[in-house]
């Protein structure tokens, strides 16, 4: 069984910030995406393999994000992904970003949907993936 919450540490680079050295708001979404991708790898699945071998991709269906504090150039951020539920074709997460002082930077509720890569219509989660995930809920 894996830990209930997966954490990925990400450093803020110059390219992530605006002219004031503060992380640009859309980059928090990139950090969260990276963390969900690395979380998926802990189960032995890669986005590329799922796309090429099973013809599926993941997309964000719904996102609710709250920005609480700014992250700045050179900060080390702990970005978490906690799976809170699965549906036939969906994954629900709570994600947080904390700075190195353990201050909460932002939090998000994320609903990902599994799609057929060609038609872009909802596709059931692969049986093996869903079984692995449900073992850890």
Protein backbone atom coordinates (compact mmCIF):
# COMPACT_ATOMS: atom_id res chain seq x y z
CA UNK A 1 0.00 0.00 0.00
CA UNK A 2 1.27 3.47 -0.91
CA UNK A 3 1.12 6.56 1.31
CA UNK A 4 -2.25 8.32 1.27
CA UNK A 5 -0.60 11.53 0.06
CA UNK A 6 2.11 11.81 -2.60
CA UNK A 7 4.52 14.77 -2.36
CA UNK A 8 6.82 16.09 -5.06
CA UNK A 9 9.39 18.82 -4.29
CA UNK A 10 9.71 21.46 -7.01
CA UNK A 11 12.05 24.46 -7.12
CA UNK A 12 10.76 27.77 -8.48
CA UNK A 13 12.88 28.94 -11.41
CA UNK A 14 13.11 32.35 -13.05
CA UNK A 15 10.92 31.13 -15.92
CA UNK A 16 8.11 30.38 -13.42
CA UNK A 17 7.89 33.97 -12.15
CA UNK A 18 6.69 37.39 -13.22
CA UNK A 19 8.81 40.56 -13.21
CA UNK A 20 8.47 40.83 -9.41
CA UNK A 21 9.87 37.32 -8.85
CA UNK A 22 6.48 35.91 -7.82
CA UNK A 23 5.18 32.66 -9.35
CA UNK A 24 2.72 33.40 -12.14
CA UNK A 25 -0.69 31.95 -11.28
CA UNK A 26 -0.92 29.42 -14.13
CA UNK A 27 2.38 27.83 -13.12
CA UNK A 28 0.82 26.44 -9.94
CA UNK A 29 -1.30 24.29 -12.26
CA UNK A 30 1.85 23.05 -14.01
CA UNK A 31 3.37 22.09 -10.65
CA UNK A 32 0.20 20.18 -9.74
CA UNK A 33 0.13 18.43 -13.12
CA UNK A 34 3.73 17.27 -12.67
CA UNK A 35 2.89 15.93 -9.24
CA UNK A 36 -0.14 13.96 -10.47
CA UNK A 37 2.01 12.51 -13.27
CA UNK A 38 4.70 11.42 -10.81
CA UNK A 39 1.99 10.06 -8.48
CA UNK A 40 0.69 7.91 -11.35
CA UNK A 41 4.23 6.58 -11.92
CA UNK A 42 4.26 5.23 -8.34
CA UNK A 43 1.54 2.83 -9.51
CA UNK A 44 3.65 1.72 -12.48
CA UNK A 45 1.74 3.70 -15.11
CA UNK A 46 3.07 6.44 -17.35
CA UNK A 47 0.96 8.93 -19.27
CA UNK A 48 2.83 8.10 -22.48
CA UNK A 49 2.35 4.34 -22.13
CA UNK A 50 -1.35 4.74 -21.34
CA UNK A 51 -1.73 6.89 -24.44
CA UNK A 52 0.21 4.65 -26.82
CA UNK A 53 -0.72 1.23 -25.44
CA UNK A 54 -4.30 1.77 -24.26
CA UNK A 55 -5.35 4.81 -26.29
CA UNK A 56 -6.32 6.93 -23.29
CA UNK A 57 -5.36 10.33 -21.95
CA UNK A 58 -6.34 12.39 -18.91
CA UNK A 59 -7.80 15.89 -18.93
CA UNK A 60 -8.99 18.27 -16.26
CA UNK A 61 -12.76 18.34 -16.06
CA UNK A 62 -13.15 20.62 -13.08
CA UNK A 63 -10.77 22.66 -10.95
CA UNK A 64 -11.30 24.80 -7.87
CA UNK A 65 -8.13 26.55 -6.72
CA UNK A 66 -7.47 28.94 -3.86
CA UNK A 67 -4.34 31.09 -3.83
CA UNK A 68 -3.32 31.94 -0.27
CA UNK A 69 0.30 33.16 -0.34
CA UNK A 70 2.79 33.89 -3.13
CA UNK A 71 5.62 31.54 -3.99
CA UNK A 72 8.84 33.25 -5.06
CA UNK A 73 11.95 32.70 -7.11
CA UNK A 74 14.19 29.92 -5.68
CA UNK A 75 11.53 28.66 -3.24
CA UNK A 76 11.36 24.91 -2.73
CA UNK A 77 7.73 23.85 -2.88
CA UNK A 78 6.17 20.64 -1.61
CA UNK A 79 3.34 19.85 -4.01
CA UNK A 80 0.99 17.12 -2.83
CA UNK A 81 -1.60 14.97 -4.56
CA UNK A 82 -4.12 13.04 -2.50
CA UNK A 83 -6.58 10.82 -4.33
CA UNK A 84 -9.99 11.28 -2.72
CA UNK A 85 -12.16 9.26 -5.07
CA UNK A 86 -12.60 7.45 -8.36
CA UNK A 87 -15.51 7.16 -10.75
CA UNK A 88 -16.00 5.05 -13.84
CA UNK A 89 -13.89 7.45 -15.88
CA UNK A 90 -12.67 9.97 -13.32
CA UNK A 91 -10.18 10.65 -10.54
CA UNK A 92 -10.71 13.21 -7.79
CA UNK A 93 -7.80 14.84 -5.96
CA UNK A 94 -7.06 17.36 -3.26
CA UNK A 95 -3.77 19.08 -4.01
CA UNK A 96 -1.78 21.50 -1.89
CA UNK A 97 1.40 23.49 -2.30
CA UNK A 98 3.51 24.43 0.73
CA UNK A 99 6.70 26.46 0.86
CA UNK A 100 9.82 25.39 2.75
CA UNK A 101 8.50 27.18 5.86
CA UNK A 102 5.49 24.82 5.76
CA UNK A 103 3.17 27.70 4.87
CA UNK A 104 0.21 26.75 2.70
CA UNK A 105 0.59 28.54 -0.65
CA UNK A 106 -2.49 27.21 -2.43
CA UNK A 107 -4.97 24.38 -2.41
CA UNK A 108 -7.05 22.84 -5.19
CA UNK A 109 -9.80 20.32 -5.77
CA UNK A 110 -9.11 18.62 -9.09
CA UNK A 111 -11.36 16.32 -11.11
CA UNK A 112 -9.54 14.47 -13.90
CA UNK A 113 -11.40 12.56 -16.58
CA UNK A 114 -10.07 9.64 -18.59
CA UNK A 115 -10.65 10.15 -22.33
CA UNK A 116 -10.32 8.11 -25.49
CA UNK A 117 -7.27 9.69 -27.15
CA UNK A 118 -8.86 9.73 -30.62
CA UNK A 119 -12.48 10.68 -29.97
CA UNK A 120 -11.84 12.69 -26.76
CA UNK A 121 -14.95 11.09 -25.27
CA UNK A 122 -14.98 9.70 -21.71
CA UNK A 123 -13.37 6.26 -21.40
CA UNK A 124 -13.55 3.95 -18.40
CA UNK A 125 -10.43 3.81 -16.28
CA UNK A 126 -8.31 0.75 -17.08
CA UNK A 127 -9.34 -2.13 -14.81
CA UNK A 128 -5.81 -2.69 -13.49
CA UNK A 129 -5.32 1.01 -12.68
CA UNK A 130 -8.68 1.32 -10.95
CA UNK A 131 -8.02 -1.80 -8.88
CA UNK A 132 -4.64 -0.45 -7.74
CA UNK A 133 -6.14 2.92 -6.84
CA UNK A 134 -9.11 1.51 -4.98
CA UNK A 135 -6.75 -0.56 -2.83
CA UNK A 136 -5.29 2.70 -1.52
CA UNK A 137 -8.51 4.65 -0.92
